[in-house]
Protein backbone atom coordinates (compact mmCIF):
# COMPACT_ATOMS: atom_id res chain seq x y z
CA MET A 1 17.60 -16.37 26.65
CA SER A 2 15.16 -15.64 23.89
CA ALA A 3 15.04 -18.57 21.28
CA ALA A 4 15.90 -16.56 18.38
CA ARG A 5 17.36 -19.33 14.64
CA GLN A 6 18.72 -17.51 11.24
CA THR A 7 16.13 -16.48 8.51
CA SER A 8 18.14 -17.75 5.12
CA PHE A 9 18.34 -13.38 4.81
CA GLY A 10 20.73 -13.59 8.17
CA LEU A 11 17.97 -11.91 10.19
CA ALA A 12 17.52 -13.33 13.62
CA ARG A 13 13.93 -14.61 14.23
CA SER A 14 12.42 -13.79 17.54
CA MET A 15 9.40 -15.68 18.42
CA GLU A 16 9.58 -13.41 21.74
CA LEU A 17 9.25 -10.95 18.56
CA MET A 18 5.84 -12.82 16.86
CA ASN A 19 4.24 -13.18 20.51
CA ALA A 20 4.02 -9.90 21.46
CA LEU A 21 1.00 -9.37 19.96
CA PRO A 22 -1.96 -11.00 18.98
CA GLY A 23 -2.59 -11.35 15.89
CA GLY A 24 0.82 -10.11 14.92
CA ARG A 25 1.60 -12.45 11.84
CA ARG A 26 -1.95 -12.11 10.64
CA VAL A 27 -1.81 -7.58 11.72
CA LEU A 28 1.30 -7.71 9.83
CA MET A 29 0.00 -9.64 6.79
CA THR A 30 -2.41 -7.34 6.52
CA ILE A 31 -0.45 -4.07 7.38
CA LEU A 32 2.25 -5.27 3.94
CA GLY A 33 -1.43 -6.00 1.24
CA MET A 34 -2.57 -2.33 1.80
CA SER A 35 1.78 -1.10 1.37
CA ALA A 36 1.84 -3.98 -2.16
CA MET A 37 -2.00 -1.74 -2.97
CA LEU A 38 -0.53 1.90 -1.92
CA ASN A 39 3.05 0.46 -3.98
CA VAL A 40 -0.07 0.42 -7.11
CA LEU A 41 -2.08 2.49 -6.53
CA LEU A 42 1.36 4.77 -6.63
CA LEU A 43 1.38 4.22 -10.17
CA SER A 44 -2.31 6.04 -11.72
CA GLY A 45 -0.15 9.57 -12.58
CA SER A 46 2.30 8.35 -14.44
CA ILE A 47 -0.96 5.79 -15.93
CA PHE A 48 -2.70 8.86 -16.55
CA MET A 49 0.38 11.37 -17.77
CA LEU A 50 1.35 8.00 -20.20
CA MET A 51 -2.15 7.96 -21.98
CA VAL A 52 -2.27 12.30 -22.49
CA TYR A 53 0.27 12.05 -24.47
CA ASP A 54 -0.54 8.52 -26.16
CA GLU A 55 -4.69 8.71 -27.41
CA VAL A 56 -5.07 12.01 -25.80
CA LEU A 57 -3.45 14.10 -27.56
CA PRO A 58 -2.92 12.96 -31.02
CA ALA A 59 -6.80 12.71 -31.37
CA HIS A 60 -7.47 15.94 -29.22
CA SER A 61 -11.06 13.56 -27.51
CA VAL A 62 -12.42 16.17 -24.05
CA PRO A 63 -14.06 12.89 -23.83
CA SER A 64 -11.63 10.07 -22.83
CA LEU A 65 -9.60 13.24 -20.99
CA ILE A 66 -12.49 14.01 -18.84
CA GLY A 67 -12.37 9.92 -18.41
CA LEU A 68 -8.86 9.99 -17.84
CA VAL A 69 -9.05 12.62 -15.42
CA VAL A 70 -12.62 10.89 -13.41
CA MET A 71 -10.59 7.50 -12.94
CA LEU A 72 -7.48 9.63 -11.25
CA VAL A 73 -9.46 11.48 -8.56
CA ILE A 74 -10.88 7.88 -7.62
CA ALA A 75 -7.27 6.27 -7.78
CA PHE A 76 -6.20 8.76 -5.50
CA GLY A 77 -9.40 9.27 -3.23
CA PHE A 78 -9.41 5.08 -2.71
CA GLN A 79 -4.94 5.94 -2.61
CA ALA A 80 -6.09 8.11 0.50
CA ALA A 81 -8.56 5.80 2.29
CA LEU A 82 -6.05 2.93 1.99
CA GLU A 83 -3.29 4.54 3.07
CA HIS A 84 -5.01 6.39 6.07
CA LEU A 85 -7.01 2.32 6.98
CA ARG A 86 -3.40 1.52 7.37
CA HIS A 87 -2.12 4.42 9.01
CA ARG A 88 -5.01 3.78 12.26
CA VAL A 89 -4.13 -0.37 11.32
CA ALA A 90 0.08 0.35 12.09
CA HIS A 91 -0.87 2.84 14.63
CA ALA A 92 -3.41 0.46 16.68
CA SER A 93 -0.87 -1.80 16.22
CA ALA A 94 2.12 -0.77 17.81
CA GLU A 95 0.01 0.83 20.30
CA ILE A 96 -0.53 -3.12 22.22
CA PHE A 97 3.05 -4.11 20.90
CA ASP A 98 4.27 -0.84 23.09
């Protein structure tokens, strides 16, 4: 019988599950941190549109628009790289767990 204890949300925490993946807590925290950063990066498109409508259009500022587009491309590139890295870490840990 597995040793399980109740958590604050009523879910059972199995120590077998926690011990199955070497460094499992560290891997899960890494994936959680990457997911949190990705959630912030997902706001970049909305922030871009907000800045365009609030700053660029009223002032007819082409240099501001170019700067915002460059920052958006950098944010999307970082988002894609982080998503790829998170996928690889999750896939590798799933193979170890399996």
